[in-house]
Amino acid sequence: RGSNLGWFRQGPGKQRELVASNMRGGRTNYVDSVQGRFT
């Protein structure tokens, strides 16, 4: 409660990237590659 929340992933040989986030105000964001597939 009151925190920004996120899921990151790190693929083989890749840098860690943010794939999905849920901000304190309730707004959610997704990286383009998972948009429409991840929730």
PDB file of all heavy atoms in Angstrom:
ATOM      1  N   ARG A   1       0.843  -1.186   0.000  1.00  0.00           N
ATOM      2  CA  ARG A   1       0.000   0.000   0.000  1.00  0.00           C
ATOM      3  C   ARG A   1       0.886   1.247   0.000  1.00  0.00           C
ATOM      4  O   ARG A   1       1.814   1.359   0.785  1.00  0.00           O
ATOM      5  CB  ARG A   1      -0.910   0.001   1.214  1.00  0.00           C
ATOM      6  CG  ARG A   1      -1.949  -1.105   1.187  1.00  0.00           C
ATOM      7  CD  ARG A   1      -2.949  -0.937   2.315  1.00  0.00           C
ATOM      8  NE  ARG A   1      -3.861  -2.070   2.376  1.00  0.00           N
ATOM      9  CZ  ARG A   1      -4.941  -2.192   1.639  1.00  0.00           C
ATOM     10  NH1 ARG A   1      -5.264  -1.253   0.783  1.00  0.00           N
ATOM     11  NH2 ARG A   1      -5.717  -3.251   1.755  1.00  0.00           N
ATOM     12  N   GLY A   2       0.610   2.136  -0.904  1.00  0.00           N
ATOM     13  CA  GLY A   2       1.376   3.377  -0.981  1.00  0.00           C
ATOM     14  C   GLY A   2       2.707   3.244  -1.684  1.00  0.00           C
ATOM     15  O   GLY A   2       3.517   4.178  -1.660  1.00  0.00           O
ATOM     16  N   SER A   3       2.942   2.068  -2.302  1.00  0.00           N
ATOM     17  CA  SER A   3       4.219   1.843  -2.988  1.00  0.00           C
ATOM     18  C   SER A   3       4.016   1.769  -4.492  1.00  0.00           C
ATOM     19  O   SER A   3       2.965   1.355  -4.970  1.00  0.00           O
ATOM     20  CB  SER A   3       4.849   0.523  -2.528  1.00  0.00           C
ATOM     21  OG  SER A   3       5.185   0.551  -1.163  1.00  0.00           O
ATOM     22  N   ASN A   4       5.058   2.152  -5.211  1.00  0.00           N
ATOM     23  CA  ASN A   4       5.111   1.818  -6.634  1.00  0.00           C
ATOM     24  C   ASN A   4       5.556   0.356  -6.735  1.00  0.00           C
ATOM     25  O   ASN A   4       6.479  -0.073  -6.031  1.00  0.00           O
ATOM     26  CB  ASN A   4       6.107   2.703  -7.374  1.00  0.00           C
ATOM     27  CG  ASN A   4       5.681   4.150  -7.405  1.00  0.00           C
ATOM     28  OD1 ASN A   4       4.503   4.454  -7.518  1.00  0.00           O
ATOM     29  ND2 ASN A   4       6.635   5.048  -7.281  1.00  0.00           N
ATOM     30  N   LEU A   5       4.905  -0.388  -7.588  1.00  0.00           N
ATOM     31  CA  LEU A   5       5.200  -1.813  -7.734  1.00  0.00           C
ATOM     32  C   LEU A   5       5.584  -2.118  -9.165  1.00  0.00           C
ATOM     33  O   LEU A   5       5.043  -1.498 -10.094  1.00  0.00           O
ATOM     34  CB  LEU A   5       3.969  -2.647  -7.354  1.00  0.00           C
ATOM     35  CG  LEU A   5       3.372  -2.382  -5.980  1.00  0.00           C
ATOM     36  CD1 LEU A   5       2.036  -3.102  -5.829  1.00  0.00           C
ATOM     37  CD2 LEU A   5       4.326  -2.791  -4.884  1.00  0.00           C
ATOM     38  N   GLY A   6       6.487  -3.054  -9.337  1.00  0.00           N
ATOM     39  CA  GLY A   6       6.893  -3.384 -10.695  1.00  0.00           C
ATOM     40  C   GLY A   6       7.419  -4.799 -10.817  1.00  0.00           C
ATOM     41  O   GLY A   6       7.819  -5.419  -9.823  1.00  0.00           O
ATOM     42  N   TRP A   7       7.352  -5.297 -12.017  1.00  0.00           N
ATOM     43  CA  TRP A   7       7.972  -6.568 -12.370  1.00  0.00           C
ATOM     44  C   TRP A   7       9.041  -6.283 -13.428  1.00  0.00           C
ATOM     45  O   TRP A   7       8.758  -5.659 -14.456  1.00  0.00           O
ATOM     46  CB  TRP A   7       6.954  -7.552 -12.939  1.00  0.00           C
ATOM     47  CG  TRP A   7       6.061  -8.163 -11.910  1.00  0.00           C
ATOM     48  CD1 TRP A   7       4.804  -7.761 -11.559  1.00  0.00           C
ATOM     49  CD2 TRP A   7       6.355  -9.309 -11.105  1.00  0.00           C
ATOM     50  NE1 TRP A   7       4.296  -8.585 -10.581  1.00  0.00           N
ATOM     51  CE2 TRP A   7       5.237  -9.542 -10.283  1.00  0.00           C
ATOM     52  CE3 TRP A   7       7.452 -10.168 -10.990  1.00  0.00           C
ATOM     53  CZ2 TRP A   7       5.187 -10.593  -9.360  1.00  0.00           C
ATOM     54  CZ3 TRP A   7       7.402 -11.206 -10.080  1.00  0.00           C
ATOM     55  CH2 TRP A   7       6.281 -11.414  -9.285  1.00  0.00           C
ATOM     56  N   PHE A   8      10.252  -6.728 -13.142  1.00  0.00           N
ATOM     57  CA  PHE A   8      11.365  -6.628 -14.070  1.00  0.00           C
ATOM     58  C   PHE A   8      11.714  -8.039 -14.541  1.00  0.00           C
ATOM     59  O   PHE A   8      11.386  -9.033 -13.884  1.00  0.00           O
ATOM     60  CB  PHE A   8      12.592  -6.036 -13.378  1.00  0.00           C
ATOM     61  CG  PHE A   8      12.521  -4.555 -13.125  1.00  0.00           C
ATOM     62  CD1 PHE A   8      11.663  -4.033 -12.170  1.00  0.00           C
ATOM     63  CD2 PHE A   8      13.338  -3.679 -13.834  1.00  0.00           C
ATOM     64  CE1 PHE A   8      11.610  -2.662 -11.922  1.00  0.00           C
ATOM     65  CE2 PHE A   8      13.302  -2.313 -13.596  1.00  0.00           C
ATOM     66  CZ  PHE A   8      12.441  -1.813 -12.635  1.00  0.00           C
ATOM     67  N   ARG A   9      12.407  -8.114 -15.644  1.00  0.00           N
ATOM     68  CA  ARG A   9      12.927  -9.406 -16.065  1.00  0.00           C
ATOM     69  C   ARG A   9      14.316  -9.211 -16.675  1.00  0.00           C
ATOM     70  O   ARG A   9      14.649  -8.149 -17.194  1.00  0.00           O
ATOM     71  CB  ARG A   9      12.014 -10.092 -17.081  1.00  0.00           C
ATOM     72  CG  ARG A   9      12.022  -9.471 -18.468  1.00  0.00           C
ATOM     73  CD  ARG A   9      11.069 -10.196 -19.385  1.00  0.00           C
ATOM     74  NE  ARG A   9      10.959  -9.533 -20.678  1.00  0.00           N
ATOM     75  CZ  ARG A   9      10.005  -9.774 -21.554  1.00  0.00           C
ATOM     76  NH1 ARG A   9       9.054 -10.672 -21.278  1.00  0.00           N
ATOM     77  NH2 ARG A   9       9.981  -9.141 -22.704  1.00  0.00           N
ATOM     78  N   GLN A  10      15.087 -10.280 -16.583  1.00  0.00           N
ATOM     79  CA  GLN A  10      16.411 -10.287 -17.183  1.00  0.00           C
ATOM     80  C   GLN A  10      16.560 -11.566 -17.994  1.00  0.00           C
ATOM     81  O   GLN A  10      16.626 -12.669 -17.420  1.00  0.00           O
ATOM     82  CB  GLN A  10      17.505 -10.202 -16.120  1.00  0.00           C
ATOM     83  CG  GLN A  10      18.900 -10.058 -16.696  1.00  0.00           C
ATOM     84  CD  GLN A  10      19.913  -9.596 -15.666  1.00  0.00           C
ATOM     85  OE1 GLN A  10      19.661  -9.620 -14.470  1.00  0.00           O
ATOM     86  NE2 GLN A  10      21.063  -9.124 -16.131  1.00  0.00           N
ATOM     87  N   GLY A  11      16.551 -11.417 -19.311  1.00  0.00           N
ATOM     88  CA  GLY A  11      16.719 -12.549 -20.199  1.00  0.00           C
ATOM     89  C   GLY A  11      18.176 -12.935 -20.335  1.00  0.00           C
ATOM     90  O   GLY A  11      19.073 -12.175 -19.946  1.00  0.00           O
ATOM     91  N   PRO A  12      18.466 -14.098 -20.893  1.00  0.00           N
ATOM     92  CA  PRO A  12      19.851 -14.553 -21.070  1.00  0.00           C
ATOM     93  C   PRO A  12      20.667 -13.551 -21.885  1.00  0.00           C
ATOM     94  O   PRO A  12      20.295 -13.208 -23.012  1.00  0.00           O
ATOM     95  CB  PRO A  12      19.687 -15.873 -21.823  1.00  0.00           C
ATOM     96  CG  PRO A  12      18.298 -16.324 -21.527  1.00  0.00           C
ATOM     97  CD  PRO A  12      17.490 -15.074 -21.384  1.00  0.00           C
ATOM     98  N   GLY A  13      21.757 -13.062 -21.314  1.00  0.00           N
ATOM     99  CA  GLY A  13      22.614 -12.128 -22.009  1.00  0.00           C
ATOM    100  C   GLY A  13      22.042 -10.738 -22.181  1.00  0.00           C
ATOM    101  O   GLY A  13      22.569  -9.941 -22.958  1.00  0.00           O
ATOM    102  N   LYS A  14      20.963 -10.447 -21.464  1.00  0.00           N
ATOM    103  CA  LYS A  14      20.313  -9.143 -21.600  1.00  0.00           C
ATOM    104  C   LYS A  14      20.348  -8.372 -20.292  1.00  0.00           C
ATOM    105  O   LYS A  14      20.560  -8.932 -19.223  1.00  0.00           O
ATOM    106  CB  LYS A  14      18.857  -9.326 -22.053  1.00  0.00           C
ATOM    107  CG  LYS A  14      18.694  -9.992 -23.400  1.00  0.00           C
ATOM    108  CD  LYS A  14      17.219 -10.115 -23.753  1.00  0.00           C
ATOM    109  CE  LYS A  14      17.037 -10.792 -25.097  1.00  0.00           C
ATOM    110  NZ  LYS A  14      15.590 -10.936 -25.434  1.00  0.00           N
ATOM    111  N   GLN A  15      20.106  -7.084 -20.398  1.00  0.00           N
ATOM    112  CA  GLN A  15      19.999  -6.262 -19.200  1.00  0.00           C
ATOM    113  C   GLN A  15      18.611  -6.407 -18.585  1.00  0.00           C
ATOM    114  O   GLN A  15      17.641  -6.759 -19.264  1.00  0.00           O
ATOM    115  CB  GLN A  15      20.260  -4.795 -19.551  1.00  0.00           C
ATOM    116  CG  GLN A  15      21.705  -4.504 -19.944  1.00  0.00           C
ATOM    117  CD  GLN A  15      21.978  -3.024 -20.094  1.00  0.00           C
ATOM    118  OE1 GLN A  15      21.066  -2.252 -20.358  1.00  0.00           O
ATOM    119  NE2 GLN A  15      23.219  -2.631 -19.900  1.00  0.00           N
ATOM    120  N   ARG A  16      18.537  -6.140 -17.308  1.00  0.00           N
ATOM    121  CA  ARG A  16      17.244  -6.177 -16.633  1.00  0.00           C
ATOM    122  C   ARG A  16      16.368  -5.055 -17.167  1.00  0.00           C
ATOM    123  O   ARG A  16      16.811  -3.919 -17.312  1.00  0.00           O
ATOM    124  CB  ARG A  16      17.451  -6.041 -15.121  1.00  0.00           C
ATOM    125  CG  ARG A  16      16.225  -6.330 -14.304  1.00  0.00           C
ATOM    126  CD  ARG A  16      16.532  -6.283 -12.809  1.00  0.00           C
ATOM    127  NE  ARG A  16      17.509  -7.285 -12.401  1.00  0.00           N
ATOM    128  CZ  ARG A  16      17.784  -7.554 -11.126  1.00  0.00           C
ATOM    129  NH1 ARG A  16      17.152  -6.910 -10.153  1.00  0.00           N
ATOM    130  NH2 ARG A  16      18.695  -8.463 -10.830  1.00  0.00           N
ATOM    131  N   GLU A  17      15.110  -5.383 -17.457  1.00  0.00           N
ATOM    132  CA  GLU A  17      14.184  -4.378 -17.977  1.00  0.00           C
ATOM    133  C   GLU A  17      12.874  -4.419 -17.199  1.00  0.00           C
ATOM    134  O   GLU A  17      12.453  -5.465 -16.708  1.00  0.00           O
ATOM    135  CB  GLU A  17      13.894  -4.630 -19.469  1.00  0.00           C
ATOM    136  CG  GLU A  17      13.177  -5.930 -19.759  1.00  0.00           C
ATOM    137  CD  GLU A  17      12.711  -6.069 -21.198  1.00  0.00           C
ATOM    138  OE1 GLU A  17      12.662  -5.060 -21.929  1.00  0.00           O
ATOM    139  OE2 GLU A  17      12.353  -7.200 -21.589  1.00  0.00           O
ATOM    140  N   LEU A  18      12.248  -3.259 -17.127  1.00  0.00           N
ATOM    141  CA  LEU A  18      10.932  -3.160 -16.500  1.00  0.00           C
ATOM    142  C   LEU A  18       9.884  -3.626 -17.502  1.00  0.00           C
ATOM    143  O   LEU A  18       9.812  -3.092 -18.609  1.00  0.00           O
ATOM    144  CB  LEU A  18      10.661  -1.713 -16.092  1.00  0.00           C
ATOM    145  CG  LEU A  18       9.284  -1.415 -15.514  1.00  0.00           C
ATOM    146  CD1 LEU A  18       9.059  -2.155 -14.208  1.00  0.00           C
ATOM    147  CD2 LEU A  18       9.119   0.090 -15.305  1.00  0.00           C
ATOM    148  N   VAL A  19       9.062  -4.594 -17.130  1.00  0.00           N
ATOM    149  CA  VAL A  19       8.032  -5.070 -18.044  1.00  0.00           C
ATOM    150  C   VAL A  19       6.637  -4.592 -17.652  1.00  0.00           C
ATOM    151  O   VAL A  19       5.780  -4.436 -18.521  1.00  0.00           O
ATOM    152  CB  VAL A  19       8.037  -6.603 -18.177  1.00  0.00           C
ATOM    153  CG1 VAL A  19       9.332  -7.106 -18.780  1.00  0.00           C
ATOM    154  CG2 VAL A  19       7.800  -7.292 -16.849  1.00  0.00           C
ATOM    155  N   ALA A  20       6.402  -4.356 -16.370  1.00  0.00           N
ATOM    156  CA  ALA A  20       5.079  -3.914 -15.943  1.00  0.00           C
ATOM    157  C   ALA A  20       5.202  -3.157 -14.630  1.00  0.00           C
ATOM    158  O   ALA A  20       6.012  -3.522 -13.780  1.00  0.00           O
ATOM    159  CB  ALA A  20       4.136  -5.101 -15.766  1.00  0.00           C
ATOM    160  N   SER A  21       4.396  -2.124 -14.479  1.00  0.00           N
ATOM    161  CA  SER A  21       4.428  -1.360 -13.244  1.00  0.00           C
ATOM    162  C   SER A  21       3.021  -0.931 -12.851  1.00  0.00           C
ATOM    163  O   SER A  21       2.142  -0.759 -13.702  1.00  0.00           O
ATOM    164  CB  SER A  21       5.328  -0.131 -13.373  1.00  0.00           C
ATOM    165  OG  SER A  21       4.846   0.740 -14.377  1.00  0.00           O
ATOM    166  N   ASN A  22       2.852  -0.782 -11.546  1.00  0.00           N
ATOM    167  CA  ASN A  22       1.601  -0.307 -10.969  1.00  0.00           C
ATOM    168  C   ASN A  22       1.986   0.823 -10.024  1.00  0.00           C
ATOM    169  O   ASN A  22       2.567   0.593  -8.976  1.00  0.00           O
ATOM    170  CB  ASN A  22       0.910  -1.454 -10.225  1.00  0.00           C
ATOM    171  CG  ASN A  22      -0.448  -1.066  -9.693  1.00  0.00           C
ATOM    172  OD1 ASN A  22      -0.663   0.062  -9.262  1.00  0.00           O
ATOM    173  ND2 ASN A  22      -1.378  -1.985  -9.716  1.00  0.00           N
ATOM    174  N   MET A  23       1.658   2.054 -10.437  1.00  0.00           N
ATOM    175  CA  MET A  23       2.090   3.204  -9.685  1.00  0.00           C
ATOM    176  C   MET A  23       1.139   3.481  -8.529  1.00  0.00           C
ATOM    177  O   MET A  23       0.011   2.978  -8.484  1.00  0.00           O
ATOM    178  CB  MET A  23       2.181   4.415 -10.616  1.00  0.00           C
ATOM    179  CG  MET A  23       3.023   4.174 -11.850  1.00  0.00           C
ATOM    180  SD  MET A  23       4.693   3.616 -11.479  1.00  0.00           S
ATOM    181  CE  MET A  23       5.398   5.135 -10.859  1.00  0.00           C
ATOM    182  N   ARG A  24       1.580   4.297  -7.597  1.00  0.00           N
ATOM    183  CA  ARG A  24       0.795   4.588  -6.380  1.00  0.00           C
ATOM    184  C   ARG A  24      -0.603   5.082  -6.710  1.00  0.00           C
ATOM    185  O   ARG A  24      -1.546   4.783  -6.002  1.00  0.00           O
ATOM    186  CB  ARG A  24       1.508   5.628  -5.532  1.00  0.00           C
ATOM    187  CG  ARG A  24       2.805   5.149  -4.911  1.00  0.00           C
ATOM    188  CD  ARG A  24       3.340   6.153  -3.897  1.00  0.00           C
ATOM    189  NE  ARG A  24       4.672   5.757  -3.431  1.00  0.00           N
ATOM    190  CZ  ARG A  24       5.793   6.245  -3.902  1.00  0.00           C
ATOM    191  NH1 ARG A  24       5.764   7.163  -4.842  1.00  0.00           N
ATOM    192  NH2 ARG A  24       6.961   5.830  -3.429  1.00  0.00           N
ATOM    193  N   GLY A  25      -0.743   5.845  -7.791  1.00  0.00           N
ATOM    194  CA  GLY A  25      -2.057   6.364  -8.147  1.00  0.00           C
ATOM    195  C   GLY A  25      -2.931   5.361  -8.860  1.00  0.00           C
ATOM    196  O   GLY A  25      -4.086   5.660  -9.201  1.00  0.00           O
ATOM    197  N   GLY A  26      -2.421   4.153  -9.084  1.00  0.00           N
ATOM    198  CA  GLY A  26      -3.192   3.098  -9.729  1.00  0.00           C
ATOM    199  C   GLY A  26      -2.915   2.938 -11.214  1.00  0.00           C
ATOM    200  O   GLY A  26      -3.439   2.023 -11.839  1.00  0.00           O
ATOM    201  N   ARG A  27      -2.110   3.816 -11.782  1.00  0.00           N
ATOM    202  CA  ARG A  27      -1.825   3.718 -13.216  1.00  0.00           C
ATOM    203  C   ARG A  27      -0.900   2.544 -13.467  1.00  0.00           C
ATOM    204  O   ARG A  27       0.066   2.324 -12.741  1.00  0.00           O
ATOM    205  CB  ARG A  27      -1.165   5.003 -13.699  1.00  0.00           C
ATOM    206  CG  ARG A  27      -0.944   5.063 -15.210  1.00  0.00           C
ATOM    207  CD  ARG A  27      -0.331   6.388 -15.626  1.00  0.00           C
ATOM    208  NE  ARG A  27       1.067   6.469 -15.287  1.00  0.00           N
ATOM    209  CZ  ARG A  27       1.560   7.261 -14.358  1.00  0.00           C
ATOM    210  NH1 ARG A  27       0.754   8.033 -13.658  1.00  0.00           N
ATOM    211  NH2 ARG A  27       2.859   7.289 -14.132  1.00  0.00           N
ATOM    212  N   THR A  28      -1.190   1.787 -14.506  1.00  0.00           N
ATOM    213  CA  THR A  28      -0.341   0.668 -14.892  1.00  0.00           C
ATOM    214  C   THR A  28       0.338   0.974 -16.221  1.00  0.00           C
ATOM    215  O   THR A  28      -0.224   1.673 -17.077  1.00  0.00           O
ATOM    216  CB  THR A  28      -1.135  -0.638 -15.020  1.00  0.00           C
ATOM    217  OG1 THR A  28      -2.189  -0.458 -15.974  1.00  0.00           O
ATOM    218  CG2 THR A  28      -1.745  -1.038 -13.687  1.00  0.00           C
ATOM    219  N   ASN A  29       1.545   0.461 -16.370  1.00  0.00           N
ATOM    220  CA  ASN A  29       2.302   0.640 -17.597  1.00  0.00           C
ATOM    221  C   ASN A  29       2.985  -0.674 -17.976  1.00  0.00           C
ATOM    222  O   ASN A  29       3.349  -1.461 -17.090  1.00  0.00           O
ATOM    223  CB  ASN A  29       3.370   1.732 -17.433  1.00  0.00           C
ATOM    224  CG  ASN A  29       2.770   3.098 -17.226  1.00  0.00           C
ATOM    225  OD1 ASN A  29       2.226   3.699 -18.148  1.00  0.00           O
ATOM    226  ND2 ASN A  29       2.847   3.590 -16.002  1.00  0.00           N
ATOM    227  N   TYR A  30       3.158  -0.864 -19.276  1.00  0.00           N
ATOM    228  CA  TYR A  30       3.776  -2.087 -19.778  1.00  0.00           C
ATOM    229  C   TYR A  30       4.772  -1.748 -20.882  1.00  0.00           C
ATOM    230  O   TYR A  30       4.563  -0.816 -21.666  1.00  0.00           O
ATOM    231  CB  TYR A  30       2.709  -3.035 -20.343  1.00  0.00           C
ATOM    232  CG  TYR A  30       1.657  -3.446 -19.344  1.00  0.00           C
ATOM    233  CD1 TYR A  30       0.481  -2.716 -19.215  1.00  0.00           C
ATOM    234  CD2 TYR A  30       1.845  -4.552 -18.524  1.00  0.00           C
ATOM    235  CE1 TYR A  30      -0.484  -3.075 -18.282  1.00  0.00           C
ATOM    236  CE2 TYR A  30       0.893  -4.927 -17.601  1.00  0.00           C
ATOM    237  CZ  TYR A  30      -0.269  -4.179 -17.477  1.00  0.00           C
ATOM    238  OH  TYR A  30      -1.219  -4.537 -16.552  1.00  0.00           O
ATOM    239  N   VAL A  31       5.825  -2.533 -20.931  1.00  0.00           N
ATOM    240  CA  VAL A  31       6.734  -2.406 -22.063  1.00  0.00           C
ATOM    241  C   VAL A  31       6.002  -2.909 -23.303  1.00  0.00           C
ATOM    242  O   VAL A  31       5.113  -3.783 -23.218  1.00  0.00           O
ATOM    243  CB  VAL A  31       8.031  -3.207 -21.793  1.00  0.00           C
ATOM    244  CG1 VAL A  31       7.772  -4.703 -21.799  1.00  0.00           C
ATOM    245  CG2 VAL A  31       9.106  -2.834 -22.780  1.00  0.00           C
ATOM    246  N   ASP A  32       6.328  -2.343 -24.448  1.00  0.00           N
ATOM    247  CA  ASP A  32       5.576  -2.657 -25.673  1.00  0.00           C
ATOM    248  C   ASP A  32       5.528  -4.152 -25.964  1.00  0.00           C
ATOM    249  O   ASP A  32       4.504  -4.669 -26.439  1.00  0.00           O
ATOM    250  CB  ASP A  32       6.202  -1.934 -26.868  1.00  0.00           C
ATOM    251  CG  ASP A  32       5.935  -0.444 -26.854  1.00  0.00           C
ATOM    252  OD1 ASP A  32       5.058  -0.006 -26.081  1.00  0.00           O
ATOM    253  OD2 ASP A  32       6.597   0.281 -27.613  1.00  0.00           O
ATOM    254  N   SER A  33       6.592  -4.859 -25.662  1.00  0.00           N
ATOM    255  CA  SER A  33       6.672  -6.277 -26.036  1.00  0.00           C
ATOM    256  C   SER A  33       5.693  -7.161 -25.273  1.00  0.00           C
ATOM    257  O   SER A  33       5.432  -8.294 -25.683  1.00  0.00           O
ATOM    258  CB  SER A  33       8.096  -6.794 -25.841  1.00  0.00           C
ATOM    259  OG  SER A  33       8.486  -6.681 -24.482  1.00  0.00           O
ATOM    260  N   VAL A  34       5.143  -6.663 -24.151  1.00  0.00           N
ATOM    261  CA  VAL A  34       4.206  -7.481 -23.372  1.00  0.00           C
ATOM    262  C   VAL A  34       2.812  -6.862 -23.332  1.00  0.00           C
ATOM    263  O   VAL A  34       1.893  -7.455 -22.768  1.00  0.00           O
ATOM    264  CB  VAL A  34       4.703  -7.720 -21.938  1.00  0.00           C
ATOM    265  CG1 VAL A  34       6.118  -8.263 -21.937  1.00  0.00           C
ATOM    266  CG2 VAL A  34       4.596  -6.469 -21.083  1.00  0.00           C
ATOM    267  N   GLN A  35       2.667  -5.675 -23.898  1.00  0.00           N
ATOM    268  CA  GLN A  35       1.370  -5.001 -23.901  1.00  0.00           C
ATOM    269  C   GLN A  35       0.293  -5.921 -24.483  1.00  0.00           C
ATOM    270  O   GLN A  35       0.467  -6.494 -25.558  1.00  0.00           O
ATOM    271  CB  GLN A  35       1.460  -3.711 -24.728  1.00  0.00           C
ATOM    272  CG  GLN A  35       0.194  -2.887 -24.742  1.00  0.00           C
ATOM    273  CD  GLN A  35      -0.039  -2.164 -23.432  1.00  0.00           C
ATOM    274  OE1 GLN A  35       0.871  -1.597 -22.859  1.00  0.00           O
ATOM    275  NE2 GLN A  35      -1.276  -2.190 -22.956  1.00  0.00           N
ATOM    276  N   GLY A  36      -0.807  -6.054 -23.753  1.00  0.00           N
ATOM    277  CA  GLY A  36      -1.903  -6.897 -24.220  1.00  0.00           C
ATOM    278  C   GLY A  36      -1.761  -8.362 -23.853  1.00  0.00           C
ATOM    279  O   GLY A  36      -2.706  -9.149 -24.026  1.00  0.00           O
ATOM    280  N   ARG A  37      -0.598  -8.747 -23.355  1.00  0.00           N
ATOM    281  CA  ARG A  37      -0.382 -10.154 -22.965  1.00  0.00           C
ATOM    282  C   ARG A  37      -0.168 -10.312 -21.461  1.00  0.00           C
ATOM    283  O   ARG A  37      -0.506 -11.347 -20.895  1.00  0.00           O
ATOM    284  CB  ARG A  37       0.839 -10.725 -23.701  1.00  0.00           C
ATOM    285  CG  ARG A  37       0.717 -10.730 -25.211  1.00  0.00           C
ATOM    286  CD  ARG A  37       1.849 -11.520 -25.850  1.00  0.00           C
ATOM    287  NE  ARG A  37       3.149 -10.927 -25.594  1.00  0.00           N
ATOM    288  CZ  ARG A  37       4.142 -11.548 -24.940  1.00  0.00           C
ATOM    289  NH1 ARG A  37       3.970 -12.784 -24.466  1.00  0.00           N
ATOM    290  NH2 ARG A  37       5.300 -10.937 -24.766  1.00  0.00           N
ATOM    291  N   PHE A  38       0.417  -9.330 -20.816  1.00  0.00           N
ATOM    292  CA  PHE A  38       0.708  -9.377 -19.388  1.00  0.00           C
ATOM    293  C   PHE A  38      -0.222  -8.420 -18.651  1.00  0.00           C
ATOM    294  O   PHE A  38      -0.574  -7.353 -19.176  1.00  0.00           O
ATOM    295  CB  PHE A  38       2.147  -8.967 -19.110  1.00  0.00           C
ATOM    296  CG  PHE A  38       3.203  -9.965 -19.547  1.00  0.00           C
ATOM    297  CD1 PHE A  38       2.896 -11.031 -20.374  1.00  0.00           C
ATOM    298  CD2 PHE A  38       4.507  -9.816 -19.109  1.00  0.00           C
ATOM    299  CE1 PHE A  38       3.873 -11.937 -20.764  1.00  0.00           C
ATOM    300  CE2 PHE A  38       5.504 -10.717 -19.492  1.00  0.00           C
ATOM    301  CZ  PHE A  38       5.180 -11.772 -20.322  1.00  0.00           C
ATOM    302  N   THR A  39      -0.567  -8.779 -17.417  1.00  0.00           N
ATOM    303  CA  THR A  39      -1.385  -7.922 -16.577  1.00  0.00           C
ATOM    304  C   THR A  39      -0.819  -7.909 -15.166  1.00  0.00           C
ATOM    305  O   THR A  39      -0.642  -8.975 -14.561  1.00  0.00           O
ATOM    306  CB  THR A  39      -2.842  -8.398 -16.525  1.00  0.00           C
ATOM    307  OG1 THR A  39      -3.378  -8.453 -17.850  1.00  0.00           O
ATOM    308  CG2 THR A  39      -3.690  -7.444 -15.686  1.00  0.00           C
TER     309      THR A  39
END
